[in-house]
Protein backbone atom coordinates (compact mmCIF):
# COMPACT_ATOMS: atom_id res chain seq x y z
CA UNK A 1 0.00 0.00 0.00
CA UNK A 2 2.78 2.42 0.97
CA UNK A 3 4.79 1.71 -2.16
CA UNK A 4 1.76 2.45 -4.37
CA UNK A 5 1.26 5.74 -2.54
CA UNK A 6 4.94 6.59 -3.01
CA UNK A 7 4.82 5.96 -6.75
CA UNK A 8 1.57 7.97 -7.10
CA UNK A 9 3.16 10.84 -5.16
CA UNK A 10 6.26 10.55 -7.36
CA UNK A 11 4.10 10.69 -10.50
CA UNK A 12 2.21 13.73 -9.17
CA UNK A 13 5.48 15.54 -8.34
CA UNK A 14 6.91 14.64 -11.76
CA UNK A 15 3.77 16.01 -13.46
CA UNK A 16 3.79 19.28 -11.50
CA UNK A 17 7.54 19.97 -11.93
CA UNK A 18 8.55 19.35 -15.55
CA UNK A 19 12.14 20.65 -15.23
CA UNK A 20 13.65 18.24 -12.63
CA UNK A 21 11.29 15.43 -13.69
CA UNK A 22 13.97 12.80 -14.52
CA UNK A 23 15.69 13.23 -11.15
CA UNK A 24 12.39 13.04 -9.27
CA UNK A 25 11.30 9.99 -11.27
CA UNK A 26 14.55 8.21 -10.41
CA UNK A 27 14.05 9.22 -6.77
CA UNK A 28 10.46 7.91 -6.74
CA UNK A 29 11.48 4.61 -8.37
CA UNK A 30 14.38 4.29 -5.94
CA UNK A 31 12.16 4.88 -2.91
CA UNK A 32 9.66 2.29 -4.16
CA UNK A 33 12.54 -0.15 -4.63
CA UNK A 34 13.73 0.53 -1.08
CA UNK A 35 10.24 -0.14 0.30
CA UNK A 36 10.12 -3.46 -1.56
CA UNK A 37 13.63 -4.36 -0.31
CA UNK A 38 12.75 -3.45 3.29
CA UNK A 39 9.38 -5.25 3.35
CA UNK A 40 10.75 -8.81 3.84
CA UNK A 41 13.02 -7.56 6.62
CA UNK A 42 10.10 -5.81 8.34
CA UNK A 43 7.88 -8.86 7.89
CA UNK A 44 10.47 -11.29 9.28
CA UNK A 45 11.14 -8.99 12.23
CA UNK A 46 7.40 -8.79 12.91
CA UNK A 47 7.00 -12.57 12.61
CA UNK A 48 9.78 -13.02 15.18
CA UNK A 49 8.44 -10.31 17.47
CA UNK A 50 4.76 -11.33 17.56
CA UNK A 51 5.30 -14.88 18.97
CA UNK A 52 7.86 -13.52 21.45
CA UNK A 53 5.42 -10.87 22.69
CA UNK A 54 2.69 -13.54 22.85
CA UNK A 55 4.98 -15.82 24.83
CA UNK A 56 5.91 -13.12 27.36
CA UNK A 57 2.29 -11.98 27.68
CA UNK A 58 1.20 -15.59 28.23
CA UNK A 59 3.91 -16.10 30.85
CA UNK A 60 2.97 -12.85 32.62
CA UNK A 61 -0.73 -13.79 32.65
CA UNK A 62 0.08 -17.30 33.93
CA UNK A 63 2.31 -15.89 36.69
CA UNK A 64 -0.29 -13.29 37.65
CA UNK A 65 -2.96 -16.00 37.72
CA UNK A 66 -0.72 -18.21 39.86
CA UNK A 67 -0.06 -15.42 42.34
CA UNK A 68 -3.75 -14.54 42.47
CA UNK A 69 -4.67 -18.18 43.03
CA UNK A 70 -2.17 -18.65 45.88
CA UNK A 71 -3.25 -15.62 47.95
PDB file of N, CA and C in Angstrom:
ATOM      1  N   UNK A   1       0.837  -1.193   0.000  1.00  0.00           N
ATOM      2  CA  UNK A   1       0.000   0.000   0.000  1.00  0.00           C
ATOM      3  C   UNK A   1       0.874   1.246   0.000  1.00  0.00           C
ATOM      4  N   UNK A   2       1.886   1.264   0.864  1.00  0.00           N
ATOM      5  CA  UNK A   2       2.781   2.415   0.973  1.00  0.00           C
ATOM      6  C   UNK A   2       3.566   2.666  -0.295  1.00  0.00           C
ATOM      7  N   UNK A   3       3.995   1.563  -0.948  1.00  0.00           N
ATOM      8  CA  UNK A   3       4.791   1.706  -2.165  1.00  0.00           C
ATOM      9  C   UNK A   3       3.958   2.281  -3.300  1.00  0.00           C
ATOM     10  N   UNK A   4       2.663   1.915  -3.349  1.00  0.00           N
ATOM     11  CA  UNK A   4       1.763   2.453  -4.374  1.00  0.00           C
ATOM     12  C   UNK A   4       1.603   3.953  -4.141  1.00  0.00           C
ATOM     13  N   UNK A   5       1.387   4.334  -2.898  1.00  0.00           N
ATOM     14  CA  UNK A   5       1.260   5.742  -2.540  1.00  0.00           C
ATOM     15  C   UNK A   5       2.505   6.523  -2.908  1.00  0.00           C
ATOM     16  N   UNK A   6       3.670   5.945  -2.693  1.00  0.00           N
ATOM     17  CA  UNK A   6       4.941   6.593  -3.013  1.00  0.00           C
ATOM     18  C   UNK A   6       5.054   6.831  -4.505  1.00  0.00           C
ATOM     19  N   UNK A   7       4.703   5.821  -5.305  1.00  0.00           N
ATOM     20  CA  UNK A   7       4.821   5.962  -6.755  1.00  0.00           C
ATOM     21  C   UNK A   7       3.805   6.964  -7.288  1.00  0.00           C
ATOM     22  N   UNK A   8       2.600   6.997  -6.698  1.00  0.00           N
ATOM     23  CA  UNK A   8       1.573   7.969  -7.098  1.00  0.00           C
ATOM     24  C   UNK A   8       2.056   9.374  -6.766  1.00  0.00           C
ATOM     25  N   UNK A   9       2.623   9.544  -5.573  1.00  0.00           N
ATOM     26  CA  UNK A   9       3.161  10.840  -5.161  1.00  0.00           C
ATOM     27  C   UNK A   9       4.297  11.253  -6.090  1.00  0.00           C
ATOM     28  N   UNK A  10       5.149  10.289  -6.437  1.00  0.00           N
ATOM     29  CA  UNK A  10       6.255  10.547  -7.362  1.00  0.00           C
ATOM     30  C   UNK A  10       5.752  10.998  -8.721  1.00  0.00           C
ATOM     31  N   UNK A  11       4.691  10.342  -9.206  1.00  0.00           N
ATOM     32  CA  UNK A  11       4.098  10.695 -10.499  1.00  0.00           C
ATOM     33  C   UNK A  11       3.492  12.091 -10.445  1.00  0.00           C
ATOM     34  N   UNK A  12       2.830  12.415  -9.336  1.00  0.00           N
ATOM     35  CA  UNK A  12       2.214  13.733  -9.167  1.00  0.00           C
ATOM     36  C   UNK A  12       3.277  14.826  -9.139  1.00  0.00           C
ATOM     37  N   UNK A  13       4.370  14.572  -8.419  1.00  0.00           N
ATOM     38  CA  UNK A  13       5.478  15.537  -8.336  1.00  0.00           C
ATOM     39  C   UNK A  13       6.099  15.720  -9.721  1.00  0.00           C
ATOM     40  N   UNK A  14       6.311  14.602 -10.422  1.00  0.00           N
ATOM     41  CA  UNK A  14       6.905  14.644 -11.759  1.00  0.00           C
ATOM     42  C   UNK A  14       6.030  15.457 -12.703  1.00  0.00           C
ATOM     43  N   UNK A  15       4.704  15.301 -12.587  1.00  0.00           N
ATOM     44  CA  UNK A  15       3.770  16.012 -13.456  1.00  0.00           C
ATOM     45  C   UNK A  15       3.761  17.509 -13.153  1.00  0.00           C
ATOM     46  N   UNK A  16       3.888  17.869 -11.872  1.00  0.00           N
ATOM     47  CA  UNK A  16       3.789  19.277 -11.497  1.00  0.00           C
ATOM     48  C   UNK A  16       5.101  20.041 -11.693  1.00  0.00           C
ATOM     49  N   UNK A  17       6.240  19.326 -11.711  1.00  0.00           N
ATOM     50  CA  UNK A  17       7.536  19.973 -11.932  1.00  0.00           C
ATOM     51  C   UNK A  17       8.209  19.373 -13.163  1.00  0.00           C
ATOM     52  N   UNK A  18       7.991  19.965 -14.343  1.00  0.00           N
ATOM     53  CA  UNK A  18       8.551  19.354 -15.555  1.00  0.00           C
ATOM     54  C   UNK A  18      10.078  19.439 -15.646  1.00  0.00           C
ATOM     55  N   UNK A  19      10.698  20.474 -15.077  1.00  0.00           N
ATOM     56  CA  UNK A  19      12.143  20.654 -15.233  1.00  0.00           C
ATOM     57  C   UNK A  19      12.967  19.537 -14.565  1.00  0.00           C
ATOM     58  N   UNK A  20      12.839  19.299 -13.243  1.00  0.00           N
ATOM     59  CA  UNK A  20      13.653  18.242 -12.629  1.00  0.00           C
ATOM     60  C   UNK A  20      12.971  16.871 -12.652  1.00  0.00           C
ATOM     61  N   UNK A  21      12.074  16.672 -13.617  1.00  0.00           N
ATOM     62  CA  UNK A  21      11.288  15.435 -13.691  1.00  0.00           C
ATOM     63  C   UNK A  21      12.143  14.167 -13.691  1.00  0.00           C
ATOM     64  N   UNK A  22      13.207  14.063 -14.517  1.00  0.00           N
ATOM     65  CA  UNK A  22      13.972  12.802 -14.521  1.00  0.00           C
ATOM     66  C   UNK A  22      14.552  12.460 -13.152  1.00  0.00           C
ATOM     67  N   UNK A  23      15.100  13.457 -12.474  1.00  0.00           N
ATOM     68  CA  UNK A  23      15.690  13.230 -11.153  1.00  0.00           C
ATOM     69  C   UNK A  23      14.634  12.764 -10.160  1.00  0.00           C
ATOM     70  N   UNK A  24      13.468  13.396 -10.195  1.00  0.00           N
ATOM     71  CA  UNK A  24      12.386  13.037  -9.273  1.00  0.00           C
ATOM     72  C   UNK A  24      11.836  11.656  -9.590  1.00  0.00           C
ATOM     73  N   UNK A  25      11.785  11.317 -10.871  1.00  0.00           N
ATOM     74  CA  UNK A  25      11.303   9.993 -11.274  1.00  0.00           C
ATOM     75  C   UNK A  25      12.242   8.921 -10.741  1.00  0.00           C
ATOM     76  N   UNK A  26      13.540   9.149 -10.906  1.00  0.00           N
ATOM     77  CA  UNK A  26      14.553   8.211 -10.407  1.00  0.00           C
ATOM     78  C   UNK A  26      14.425   8.079  -8.890  1.00  0.00           C
ATOM     79  N   UNK A  27      14.210   9.205  -8.226  1.00  0.00           N
ATOM     80  CA  UNK A  27      14.050   9.222  -6.774  1.00  0.00           C
ATOM     81  C   UNK A  27      12.823   8.420  -6.351  1.00  0.00           C
ATOM     82  N   UNK A  28      11.706   8.620  -7.057  1.00  0.00           N
ATOM     83  CA  UNK A  28      10.461   7.908  -6.743  1.00  0.00           C
ATOM     84  C   UNK A  28      10.633   6.410  -6.945  1.00  0.00           C
ATOM     85  N   UNK A  29      11.245   6.031  -8.072  1.00  0.00           N
ATOM     86  CA  UNK A  29      11.477   4.610  -8.370  1.00  0.00           C
ATOM     87  C   UNK A  29      12.405   4.006  -7.321  1.00  0.00           C
ATOM     88  N   UNK A  30      13.432   4.750  -6.957  1.00  0.00           N
ATOM     89  CA  UNK A  30      14.379   4.294  -5.938  1.00  0.00           C
ATOM     90  C   UNK A  30      13.717   4.078  -4.591  1.00  0.00           C
ATOM     91  N   UNK A  31      12.838   5.008  -4.206  1.00  0.00           N
ATOM     92  CA  UNK A  31      12.161   4.881  -2.909  1.00  0.00           C
ATOM     93  C   UNK A  31      11.203   3.700  -2.909  1.00  0.00           C
ATOM     94  N   UNK A  32      10.544   3.448  -4.032  1.00  0.00           N
ATOM     95  CA  UNK A  32       9.656   2.287  -4.157  1.00  0.00           C
ATOM     96  C   UNK A  32      10.485   1.012  -4.039  1.00  0.00           C
ATOM     97  N   UNK A  33      11.639   0.997  -4.705  1.00  0.00           N
ATOM     98  CA  UNK A  33      12.545  -0.149  -4.634  1.00  0.00           C
ATOM     99  C   UNK A  33      13.003  -0.418  -3.212  1.00  0.00           C
ATOM    100  N   UNK A  34      13.305   0.650  -2.480  1.00  0.00           N
ATOM    101  CA  UNK A  34      13.731   0.528  -1.081  1.00  0.00           C
ATOM    102  C   UNK A  34      12.628  -0.066  -0.221  1.00  0.00           C
ATOM    103  N   UNK A  35      11.387   0.384  -0.461  1.00  0.00           N
ATOM    104  CA  UNK A  35      10.241  -0.139   0.296  1.00  0.00           C
ATOM    105  C   UNK A  35      10.115  -1.637   0.062  1.00  0.00           C
ATOM    106  N   UNK A  36      10.237  -2.044  -1.227  1.00  0.00           N
ATOM    107  CA  UNK A  36      10.125  -3.463  -1.558  1.00  0.00           C
ATOM    108  C   UNK A  36      11.269  -4.267  -0.944  1.00  0.00           C
ATOM    109  N   UNK A  37      12.465  -3.691  -0.897  1.00  0.00           N
ATOM    110  CA  UNK A  37      13.625  -4.362  -0.309  1.00  0.00           C
ATOM    111  C   UNK A  37      13.454  -4.502   1.203  1.00  0.00           C
ATOM    112  N   UNK A  38      12.898  -3.470   1.836  1.00  0.00           N
ATOM    113  CA  UNK A  38      12.754  -3.450   3.293  1.00  0.00           C
ATOM    114  C   UNK A  38      11.597  -4.321   3.777  1.00  0.00           C
ATOM    115  N   UNK A  39      10.584  -4.524   2.925  1.00  0.00           N
ATOM    116  CA  UNK A  39       9.379  -5.253   3.346  1.00  0.00           C
ATOM    117  C   UNK A  39       9.680  -6.639   3.918  1.00  0.00           C
ATOM    118  N   UNK A  40      10.480  -7.493   3.252  1.00  0.00           N
ATOM    119  CA  UNK A  40      10.747  -8.815   3.840  1.00  0.00           C
ATOM    120  C   UNK A  40      11.440  -8.731   5.199  1.00  0.00           C
ATOM    121  N   UNK A  41      12.309  -7.750   5.351  1.00  0.00           N
ATOM    122  CA  UNK A  41      13.020  -7.558   6.619  1.00  0.00           C
ATOM    123  C   UNK A  41      12.021  -7.189   7.711  1.00  0.00           C
ATOM    124  N   UNK A  42      11.126  -6.248   7.385  1.00  0.00           N
ATOM    125  CA  UNK A  42      10.102  -5.806   8.341  1.00  0.00           C
ATOM    126  C   UNK A  42       9.189  -6.982   8.699  1.00  0.00           C
ATOM    127  N   UNK A  43       8.782  -7.737   7.677  1.00  0.00           N
ATOM    128  CA  UNK A  43       7.876  -8.860   7.890  1.00  0.00           C
ATOM    129  C   UNK A  43       8.532  -9.932   8.762  1.00  0.00           C
ATOM    130  N   UNK A  44       9.797 -10.246   8.494  1.00  0.00           N
ATOM    131  CA  UNK A  44      10.472 -11.290   9.277  1.00  0.00           C
ATOM    132  C   UNK A  44      10.697 -10.819  10.713  1.00  0.00           C
ATOM    133  N   UNK A  45      10.986  -9.539  10.881  1.00  0.00           N
ATOM    134  CA  UNK A  45      11.145  -8.987  12.232  1.00  0.00           C
ATOM    135  C   UNK A  45       9.821  -9.069  12.983  1.00  0.00           C
ATOM    136  N   UNK A  46       8.730  -8.733  12.292  1.00  0.00           N
ATOM    137  CA  UNK A  46       7.399  -8.790  12.906  1.00  0.00           C
ATOM    138  C   UNK A  46       7.032 -10.222  13.260  1.00  0.00           C
ATOM    139  N   UNK A  47       7.349 -11.162  12.364  1.00  0.00           N
ATOM    140  CA  UNK A  47       7.000 -12.566  12.610  1.00  0.00           C
ATOM    141  C   UNK A  47       7.804 -13.143  13.772  1.00  0.00           C
ATOM    142  N   UNK A  48       8.990 -12.599  14.015  1.00  0.00           N
ATOM    143  CA  UNK A  48       9.783 -13.015  15.179  1.00  0.00           C
ATOM    144  C   UNK A  48       9.257 -12.356  16.451  1.00  0.00           C
ATOM    145  N   UNK A  49       8.847 -11.106  16.313  1.00  0.00           N
ATOM    146  CA  UNK A  49       8.439 -10.310  17.469  1.00  0.00           C
ATOM    147  C   UNK A  49       7.090 -10.756  18.015  1.00  0.00           C
ATOM    148  N   UNK A  50       6.129 -11.015  17.132  1.00  0.00           N
ATOM    149  CA  UNK A  50       4.762 -11.333  17.564  1.00  0.00           C
ATOM    150  C   UNK A  50       4.719 -12.572  18.465  1.00  0.00           C
ATOM    151  N   UNK A  51       5.325 -13.718  18.067  1.00  0.00           N
ATOM    152  CA  UNK A  51       5.295 -14.876  18.969  1.00  0.00           C
ATOM    153  C   UNK A  51       6.015 -14.614  20.288  1.00  0.00           C
ATOM    154  N   UNK A  52       7.098 -13.843  20.234  1.00  0.00           N
ATOM    155  CA  UNK A  52       7.856 -13.523  21.447  1.00  0.00           C
ATOM    156  C   UNK A  52       6.988 -12.720  22.403  1.00  0.00           C
ATOM    157  N   UNK A  53       6.307 -11.707  21.870  1.00  0.00           N
ATOM    158  CA  UNK A  53       5.415 -10.875  22.688  1.00  0.00           C
ATOM    159  C   UNK A  53       4.298 -11.746  23.253  1.00  0.00           C
ATOM    160  N   UNK A  54       3.739 -12.621  22.415  1.00  0.00           N
ATOM    161  CA  UNK A  54       2.686 -13.540  22.849  1.00  0.00           C
ATOM    162  C   UNK A  54       3.157 -14.446  23.975  1.00  0.00           C
ATOM    163  N   UNK A  55       4.381 -14.931  23.839  1.00  0.00           N
ATOM    164  CA  UNK A  55       4.979 -15.825  24.834  1.00  0.00           C
ATOM    165  C   UNK A  55       5.131 -15.109  26.179  1.00  0.00           C
ATOM    166  N   UNK A  56       5.704 -13.893  26.135  1.00  0.00           N
ATOM    167  CA  UNK A  56       5.914 -13.119  27.361  1.00  0.00           C
ATOM    168  C   UNK A  56       4.594 -12.730  27.994  1.00  0.00           C
ATOM    169  N   UNK A  57       3.614 -12.356  27.165  1.00  0.00           N
ATOM    170  CA  UNK A  57       2.292 -11.980  27.680  1.00  0.00           C
ATOM    171  C   UNK A  57       1.647 -13.184  28.353  1.00  0.00           C
ATOM    172  N   UNK A  58       1.741 -14.347  27.681  1.00  0.00           N
ATOM    173  CA  UNK A  58       1.199 -15.590  28.235  1.00  0.00           C
ATOM    174  C   UNK A  58       1.848 -15.941  29.563  1.00  0.00           C
ATOM    175  N   UNK A  59       3.164 -15.803  29.628  1.00  0.00           N
ATOM    176  CA  UNK A  59       3.913 -16.099  30.854  1.00  0.00           C
ATOM    177  C   UNK A  59       3.502 -15.146  31.971  1.00  0.00           C
ATOM    178  N   UNK A  60       3.361 -13.862  31.635  1.00  0.00           N
ATOM    179  CA  UNK A  60       2.971 -12.849  32.623  1.00  0.00           C
ATOM    180  C   UNK A  60       1.571 -13.134  33.158  1.00  0.00           C
ATOM    181  N   UNK A  61       0.652 -13.487  32.254  1.00  0.00           N
ATOM    182  CA  UNK A  61      -0.728 -13.794  32.652  1.00  0.00           C
ATOM    183  C   UNK A  61      -0.749 -15.040  33.537  1.00  0.00           C
ATOM    184  N   UNK A  62       0.025 -16.058  33.149  1.00  0.00           N
ATOM    185  CA  UNK A  62       0.085 -17.304  33.929  1.00  0.00           C
ATOM    186  C   UNK A  62       0.648 -17.043  35.325  1.00  0.00           C
ATOM    187  N   UNK A  63       1.705 -16.234  35.396  1.00  0.00           N
ATOM    188  CA  UNK A  63       2.313 -15.889  36.687  1.00  0.00           C
ATOM    189  C   UNK A  63       1.338 -15.101  37.550  1.00  0.00           C
ATOM    190  N   UNK A  64       0.682 -14.113  36.923  1.00  0.00           N
ATOM    191  CA  UNK A  64      -0.287 -13.286  37.648  1.00  0.00           C
ATOM    192  C   UNK A  64      -1.427 -14.163  38.161  1.00  0.00           C
ATOM    193  N   UNK A  65      -1.890 -15.077  37.329  1.00  0.00           N
ATOM    194  CA  UNK A  65      -2.956 -16.002  37.720  1.00  0.00           C
ATOM    195  C   UNK A  65      -2.515 -16.891  38.865  1.00  0.00           C
ATOM    196  N   UNK A  66      -1.276 -17.364  38.812  1.00  0.00           N
ATOM    197  CA  UNK A  66      -0.715 -18.211  39.864  1.00  0.00           C
ATOM    198  C   UNK A  66      -0.629 -17.477  41.182  1.00  0.00           C
ATOM    199  N   UNK A  67      -0.172 -16.222  41.127  1.00  0.00           N
ATOM    200  CA  UNK A  67      -0.061 -15.419  42.343  1.00  0.00           C
ATOM    201  C   UNK A  67      -1.438 -15.131  42.926  1.00  0.00           C
ATOM    202  N   UNK A  68      -2.394 -14.848  42.033  1.00  0.00           N
ATOM    203  CA  UNK A  68      -3.750 -14.543  42.470  1.00  0.00           C
ATOM    204  C   UNK A  68      -4.375 -15.785  43.119  1.00  0.00           C
ATOM    205  N   UNK A  69      -4.104 -16.938  42.514  1.00  0.00           N
ATOM    206  CA  UNK A  69      -4.669 -18.182  43.034  1.00  0.00           C
ATOM    207  C   UNK A  69      -4.096 -18.567  44.392  1.00  0.00           C
ATOM    208  N   UNK A  70      -2.842 -18.211  44.648  1.00  0.00           N
ATOM    209  CA  UNK A  70      -2.166 -18.646  45.876  1.00  0.00           C
ATOM    210  C   UNK A  70      -2.518 -17.774  47.076  1.00  0.00           C
ATOM    211  N   UNK A  71      -2.954 -16.532  46.817  1.00  0.00           N
ATOM    212  CA  UNK A  71      -3.248 -15.620  47.945  1.00  0.00           C
ATOM    213  C   UNK A  71      -4.679 -15.766  48.420  1.00  0.00           C
TER     214      UNK A  71
END
